[in-house]
Amino acid sequence: LSALKPFSEYQTPPTCDLLSLLLRNRRPTGAVNEVWPNLYIGDAATAQDKTRLVNLGVTHVVNAAGGKQHIDTGAHFYADTDILYHEVEATDCKDFDLRPFFTKTSDFIHGALSQKGKVLVHCARGISRSATLVLAFLMIKERLTLVQAIETVGQRRNILPNVGFLKQLRHLDSSLFLRSRTT
């Protein structure tokens, strides 16, 4: 095994290494898990259970599988609650480009957490789309590397972003690292 490289020599790992990291130390996880303080990843059933959301103290919901073809909750679904809603109409396929949603979704999550809110990020099963957006948030706003973000979330929930999303996260990781070196 090679020695760990200093941070100044950090390189985003190849996709196959990220997949190995995601598949290591897996254990059963529930329908919803707190993966960062006041930040939860969950499935569609959790997002549609308003009583459970209120009991969890959720104040904000990010639907990573929004739209009529997917999980059509929308802001109207939460109108009888105080929950604020953000929607991303994404399909869980390797060719879907989730990158245009990284910054706006990260801003929404960050704003909620800054106001002492609790955020549920969900898709159908809480494994790929929602996990990708949470990893992007941790990288953009909390300044974790992709590996650190995967390890952090993986301690609390089994996630498995599709290969296309992993490549997009690799690109984000590389660009954030390059930007940090020039600032």
C-alpha atoms as a PDB file:
ATOM      1  CA  LEU A   1       0.000   0.000   0.000  1.00  0.00           C
ATOM      2  CA  SER A   2       1.225   3.431  -0.837  1.00  0.00           C
ATOM      3  CA  ALA A   3       1.541   6.049   1.872  1.00  0.00           C
ATOM      4  CA  LEU A   4      -1.170   8.680   2.068  1.00  0.00           C
ATOM      5  CA  LYS A   5      -0.379  11.721  -0.023  1.00  0.00           C
ATOM      6  CA  PRO A   6      -0.361  15.127   1.623  1.00  0.00           C
ATOM      7  CA  PHE A   7      -3.479  17.221   0.925  1.00  0.00           C
ATOM      8  CA  SER A   8      -1.511  19.425  -1.467  1.00  0.00           C
ATOM      9  CA  GLU A   9      -1.156  16.366  -3.700  1.00  0.00           C
ATOM     10  CA  TYR A  10      -4.809  15.314  -3.364  1.00  0.00           C
ATOM     11  CA  GLN A  11      -6.292  13.748  -6.462  1.00  0.00           C
ATOM     12  CA  THR A  12      -9.879  12.729  -7.008  1.00  0.00           C
ATOM     13  CA  PRO A  13      -9.969   8.924  -6.992  1.00  0.00           C
ATOM     14  CA  PRO A  14     -11.098   7.066 -10.113  1.00  0.00           C
ATOM     15  CA  THR A  15     -14.727   5.966 -10.321  1.00  0.00           C
ATOM     16  CA  CYS A  16     -13.882   2.310  -9.601  1.00  0.00           C
ATOM     17  CA  ASP A  17     -12.210   3.288  -6.297  1.00  0.00           C
ATOM     18  CA  LEU A  18     -15.224   5.416  -5.359  1.00  0.00           C
ATOM     19  CA  LEU A  19     -17.529   2.464  -6.058  1.00  0.00           C
ATOM     20  CA  SER A  20     -15.396   0.264  -3.800  1.00  0.00           C
ATOM     21  CA  LEU A  21     -15.602   2.902  -1.070  1.00  0.00           C
ATOM     22  CA  LEU A  22     -19.389   3.094  -1.438  1.00  0.00           C
ATOM     23  CA  LEU A  23     -19.762  -0.690  -1.205  1.00  0.00           C
ATOM     24  CA  ARG A  24     -17.461  -1.124   1.811  1.00  0.00           C
ATOM     25  CA  ASN A  25     -18.862  -1.569   5.339  1.00  0.00           C
ATOM     26  CA  ARG A  26     -22.509  -1.600   4.265  1.00  0.00           C
ATOM     27  CA  ARG A  27     -25.122  -2.258   6.913  1.00  0.00           C
ATOM     28  CA  PRO A  28     -28.911  -2.090   6.973  1.00  0.00           C
ATOM     29  CA  THR A  29     -30.286   1.437   6.891  1.00  0.00           C
ATOM     30  CA  GLY A  30     -33.819   2.639   7.358  1.00  0.00           C
ATOM     31  CA  ALA A  31     -36.161   4.689   5.212  1.00  0.00           C
ATOM     32  CA  VAL A  32     -34.585   7.908   6.507  1.00  0.00           C
ATOM     33  CA  ASN A  33     -31.224   8.632   8.149  1.00  0.00           C
ATOM     34  CA  GLU A  34     -29.567  11.741   9.552  1.00  0.00           C
ATOM     35  CA  VAL A  35     -26.289  11.895   7.607  1.00  0.00           C
ATOM     36  CA  TRP A  36     -25.060  15.322   8.793  1.00  0.00           C
ATOM     37  CA  PRO A  37     -26.405  17.416  11.664  1.00  0.00           C
ATOM     38  CA  ASN A  38     -30.051  18.198  10.793  1.00  0.00           C
ATOM     39  CA  LEU A  39     -29.641  16.834   7.257  1.00  0.00           C
ATOM     40  CA  TYR A  40     -31.501  13.658   6.343  1.00  0.00           C
ATOM     41  CA  ILE A  41     -31.607  11.417   3.289  1.00  0.00           C
ATOM     42  CA  GLY A  42     -34.768   9.434   2.791  1.00  0.00           C
ATOM     43  CA  ASP A  43     -37.101   7.700   0.402  1.00  0.00           C
ATOM     44  CA  ALA A  44     -40.363   8.763  -1.240  1.00  0.00           C
ATOM     45  CA  ALA A  45     -42.540   7.141   1.430  1.00  0.00           C
ATOM     46  CA  THR A  46     -40.858   9.256   4.111  1.00  0.00           C
ATOM     47  CA  ALA A  47     -41.352  12.435   2.066  1.00  0.00           C
ATOM     48  CA  GLN A  48     -45.052  11.626   1.662  1.00  0.00           C
ATOM     49  CA  ASP A  49     -45.578  10.956   5.385  1.00  0.00           C
ATOM     50  CA  LYS A  50     -46.214  14.479   6.678  1.00  0.00           C
ATOM     51  CA  THR A  51     -46.838  13.256  10.238  1.00  0.00           C
ATOM     52  CA  ARG A  52     -43.419  11.599  10.312  1.00  0.00           C
ATOM     53  CA  LEU A  53     -41.769  14.721   8.878  1.00  0.00           C
ATOM     54  CA  VAL A  54     -43.363  16.901  11.553  1.00  0.00           C
ATOM     55  CA  ASN A  55     -42.296  14.417  14.250  1.00  0.00           C
ATOM     56  CA  LEU A  56     -38.710  14.515  12.893  1.00  0.00           C
ATOM     57  CA  GLY A  57     -38.850  18.320  12.958  1.00  0.00           C
ATOM     58  CA  VAL A  58     -38.258  18.620   9.198  1.00  0.00           C
ATOM     59  CA  THR A  59     -38.627  22.225   8.031  1.00  0.00           C
ATOM     60  CA  HIS A  60     -37.356  21.858   4.452  1.00  0.00           C
ATOM     61  CA  VAL A  61     -37.730  19.168   1.792  1.00  0.00           C
ATOM     62  CA  VAL A  62     -35.613  18.688  -1.320  1.00  0.00           C
ATOM     63  CA  ASN A  63     -37.292  16.380  -3.818  1.00  0.00           C
ATOM     64  CA  ALA A  64     -34.562  15.080  -6.138  1.00  0.00           C
ATOM     65  CA  ALA A  65     -37.142  13.110  -8.138  1.00  0.00           C
ATOM     66  CA  GLY A  66     -39.691  15.835  -8.732  1.00  0.00           C
ATOM     67  CA  GLY A  67     -42.178  16.303 -11.498  1.00  0.00           C
ATOM     68  CA  LYS A  68     -45.305  14.580 -12.723  1.00  0.00           C
ATOM     69  CA  GLN A  69     -43.378  11.601 -14.101  1.00  0.00           C
ATOM     70  CA  HIS A  70     -41.691  10.906 -10.774  1.00  0.00           C
ATOM     71  CA  ILE A  71     -42.634  11.813  -7.183  1.00  0.00           C
ATOM     72  CA  ASP A  72     -45.153  14.572  -7.703  1.00  0.00           C
ATOM     73  CA  THR A  73     -45.411  16.081  -4.250  1.00  0.00           C
ATOM     74  CA  GLY A  74     -44.600  19.706  -4.973  1.00  0.00           C
ATOM     75  CA  ALA A  75     -45.028  22.708  -2.701  1.00  0.00           C
ATOM     76  CA  HIS A  76     -48.816  22.187  -2.808  1.00  0.00           C
ATOM     77  CA  PHE A  77     -48.423  18.822  -1.049  1.00  0.00           C
ATOM     78  CA  TYR A  78     -46.855  20.560   1.979  1.00  0.00           C
ATOM     79  CA  ALA A  79     -49.208  23.579   1.931  1.00  0.00           C
ATOM     80  CA  ASP A  80     -50.856  22.525   5.205  1.00  0.00           C
ATOM     81  CA  THR A  81     -47.460  22.419   6.955  1.00  0.00           C
ATOM     82  CA  ASP A  82     -44.666  24.933   7.523  1.00  0.00           C
ATOM     83  CA  ILE A  83     -42.298  22.902   5.324  1.00  0.00           C
ATOM     84  CA  LEU A  84     -40.443  24.787   2.598  1.00  0.00           C
ATOM     85  CA  TYR A  85     -39.970  22.854  -0.638  1.00  0.00           C
ATOM     86  CA  HIS A  86     -37.277  22.683  -3.329  1.00  0.00           C
ATOM     87  CA  GLU A  87     -37.645  20.486  -6.399  1.00  0.00           C
ATOM     88  CA  VAL A  88     -35.166  18.965  -8.811  1.00  0.00           C
ATOM     89  CA  GLU A  89     -36.669  17.096 -11.748  1.00  0.00           C
ATOM     90  CA  ALA A  90     -34.026  14.417 -12.167  1.00  0.00           C
ATOM     91  CA  THR A  91     -34.079  10.923 -13.551  1.00  0.00           C
ATOM     92  CA  ASP A  92     -31.818   8.263 -12.084  1.00  0.00           C
ATOM     93  CA  CYS A  93     -29.903   7.437 -15.234  1.00  0.00           C
ATOM     94  CA  LYS A  94     -26.203   7.795 -15.910  1.00  0.00           C
ATOM     95  CA  ASP A  95     -26.784  10.250 -18.765  1.00  0.00           C
ATOM     96  CA  PHE A  96     -28.792  12.755 -16.711  1.00  0.00           C
ATOM     97  CA  ASP A  97     -26.738  15.864 -15.873  1.00  0.00           C
ATOM     98  CA  LEU A  98     -27.347  16.737 -12.229  1.00  0.00           C
ATOM     99  CA  ARG A  99     -24.511  19.307 -12.108  1.00  0.00           C
ATOM    100  CA  PRO A 100     -26.708  22.328 -12.973  1.00  0.00           C
ATOM    101  CA  PHE A 101     -28.629  21.659  -9.733  1.00  0.00           C
ATOM    102  CA  PHE A 102     -25.629  21.322  -7.396  1.00  0.00           C
ATOM    103  CA  THR A 103     -25.220  24.995  -6.431  1.00  0.00           C
ATOM    104  CA  LYS A 104     -28.880  26.016  -6.116  1.00  0.00           C
ATOM    105  CA  THR A 105     -29.723  22.908  -4.089  1.00  0.00           C
ATOM    106  CA  SER A 106     -26.654  23.379  -1.884  1.00  0.00           C
ATOM    107  CA  ASP A 107     -27.692  26.995  -1.288  1.00  0.00           C
ATOM    108  CA  PHE A 108     -31.208  25.853  -0.292  1.00  0.00           C
ATOM    109  CA  ILE A 109     -29.853  23.244   2.153  1.00  0.00           C
ATOM    110  CA  HIS A 110     -27.258  25.646   3.565  1.00  0.00           C
ATOM    111  CA  GLY A 111     -29.868  28.366   4.049  1.00  0.00           C
ATOM    112  CA  ALA A 112     -32.161  25.954   5.893  1.00  0.00           C
ATOM    113  CA  LEU A 113     -29.400  24.662   8.161  1.00  0.00           C
ATOM    114  CA  SER A 114     -28.202  28.220   8.835  1.00  0.00           C
ATOM    115  CA  GLN A 115     -31.692  29.014  10.157  1.00  0.00           C
ATOM    116  CA  LYS A 116     -31.572  25.963  12.473  1.00  0.00           C
ATOM    117  CA  GLY A 117     -33.892  24.046  10.142  1.00  0.00           C
ATOM    118  CA  LYS A 118     -33.938  20.327   9.418  1.00  0.00           C
ATOM    119  CA  VAL A 119     -33.739  19.191   5.810  1.00  0.00           C
ATOM    120  CA  LEU A 120     -34.934  15.983   4.171  1.00  0.00           C
ATOM    121  CA  VAL A 121     -33.396  15.286   0.783  1.00  0.00           C
ATOM    122  CA  HIS A 122     -35.186  12.451  -0.961  1.00  0.00           C
ATOM    123  CA  CYS A 123     -35.682  10.647  -4.234  1.00  0.00           C
ATOM    124  CA  ALA A 124     -37.452   7.339  -4.817  1.00  0.00           C
ATOM    125  CA  ARG A 125     -35.238   5.156  -2.615  1.00  0.00           C
ATOM    126  CA  GLY A 126     -32.803   7.675  -1.124  1.00  0.00           C
ATOM    127  CA  ILE A 127     -29.766   6.066  -2.688  1.00  0.00           C
ATOM    128  CA  SER A 128     -28.681   7.824  -5.883  1.00  0.00           C
ATOM    129  CA  ARG A 129     -30.171  11.238  -6.801  1.00  0.00           C
ATOM    130  CA  SER A 130     -30.691  12.487  -3.242  1.00  0.00           C
ATOM    131  CA  ALA A 131     -27.331  11.107  -2.128  1.00  0.00           C
ATOM    132  CA  THR A 132     -25.591  12.863  -5.026  1.00  0.00           C
ATOM    133  CA  LEU A 133     -27.121  16.216  -4.067  1.00  0.00           C
ATOM    134  CA  VAL A 134     -26.156  15.744  -0.404  1.00  0.00           C
ATOM    135  CA  LEU A 135     -22.587  14.812  -1.358  1.00  0.00           C
ATOM    136  CA  ALA A 136     -22.401  17.915  -3.571  1.00  0.00           C
ATOM    137  CA  PHE A 137     -23.663  20.044  -0.657  1.00  0.00           C
ATOM    138  CA  LEU A 138     -21.007  18.636   1.682  1.00  0.00           C
ATOM    139  CA  MET A 139     -18.329  19.362  -0.902  1.00  0.00           C
ATOM    140  CA  ILE A 140     -19.523  22.859  -1.870  1.00  0.00           C
ATOM    141  CA  LYS A 141     -20.645  24.253   1.491  1.00  0.00           C
ATOM    142  CA  GLU A 142     -18.787  22.145   4.069  1.00  0.00           C
ATOM    143  CA  ARG A 143     -15.582  21.893   1.995  1.00  0.00           C
ATOM    144  CA  LEU A 144     -15.243  18.123   2.256  1.00  0.00           C
ATOM    145  CA  THR A 145     -13.491  16.190  -0.453  1.00  0.00           C
ATOM    146  CA  LEU A 146     -15.605  13.660  -2.323  1.00  0.00           C
ATOM    147  CA  VAL A 147     -13.992  10.831  -0.350  1.00  0.00           C
ATOM    148  CA  GLN A 148     -14.670  12.593   2.966  1.00  0.00           C
ATOM    149  CA  ALA A 149     -18.273  13.245   1.950  1.00  0.00           C
ATOM    150  CA  ILE A 150     -18.832   9.603   0.941  1.00  0.00           C
ATOM    151  CA  GLU A 151     -17.263   8.367   4.178  1.00  0.00           C
ATOM    152  CA  THR A 152     -19.355  10.781   6.264  1.00  0.00           C
ATOM    153  CA  VAL A 153     -22.675   9.856   4.662  1.00  0.00           C
ATOM    154  CA  GLY A 154     -21.735   6.171   4.420  1.00  0.00           C
ATOM    155  CA  GLN A 155     -21.382   5.949   8.203  1.00  0.00           C
ATOM    156  CA  ARG A 156     -25.117   6.606   8.518  1.00  0.00           C
ATOM    157  CA  ARG A 157     -26.724   5.405   5.275  1.00  0.00           C
ATOM    158  CA  ASN A 158     -26.015   3.050   2.401  1.00  0.00           C
ATOM    159  CA  ILE A 159     -25.860   5.154  -0.739  1.00  0.00           C
ATOM    160  CA  LEU A 160     -24.929   4.309  -4.309  1.00  0.00           C
ATOM    161  CA  PRO A 161     -25.027   7.173  -6.822  1.00  0.00           C
ATOM    162  CA  ASN A 162     -25.143   5.867 -10.379  1.00  0.00           C
ATOM    163  CA  VAL A 163     -21.907   5.897 -12.378  1.00  0.00           C
ATOM    164  CA  GLY A 164     -22.875   9.038 -14.287  1.00  0.00           C
ATOM    165  CA  PHE A 165     -23.531  10.918 -11.058  1.00  0.00           C
ATOM    166  CA  LEU A 166     -20.221   9.669  -9.624  1.00  0.00           C
ATOM    167  CA  LYS A 167     -18.411  11.084 -12.657  1.00  0.00           C
ATOM    168  CA  GLN A 168     -20.177  14.417 -12.130  1.00  0.00           C
ATOM    169  CA  LEU A 169     -19.148  14.411  -8.462  1.00  0.00           C
ATOM    170  CA  ARG A 170     -15.566  13.596  -9.497  1.00  0.00           C
ATOM    171  CA  HIS A 171     -15.626  16.628 -11.793  1.00  0.00           C
ATOM    172  CA  LEU A 172     -16.973  18.798  -8.955  1.00  0.00           C
ATOM    173  CA  ASP A 173     -14.325  17.448  -6.574  1.00  0.00           C
ATOM    174  CA  SER A 174     -11.519  18.248  -9.013  1.00  0.00           C
ATOM    175  CA  SER A 175     -12.801  21.738  -9.778  1.00  0.00           C
ATOM    176  CA  LEU A 176     -13.324  22.583  -6.089  1.00  0.00           C
ATOM    177  CA  PHE A 177      -9.834  21.347  -5.267  1.00  0.00           C
ATOM    178  CA  LEU A 178      -8.298  23.403  -8.056  1.00  0.00           C
ATOM    179  CA  ARG A 179     -10.250  26.478  -6.923  1.00  0.00           C
ATOM    180  CA  SER A 180      -9.071  26.000  -3.311  1.00  0.00           C
ATOM    181  CA  ARG A 181      -5.458  25.952  -4.469  1.00  0.00           C
ATOM    182  CA  THR A 182      -5.816  29.289  -6.265  1.00  0.00           C
ATOM    183  CA  THR A 183      -7.588  31.138  -3.444  1.00  0.00           C
END
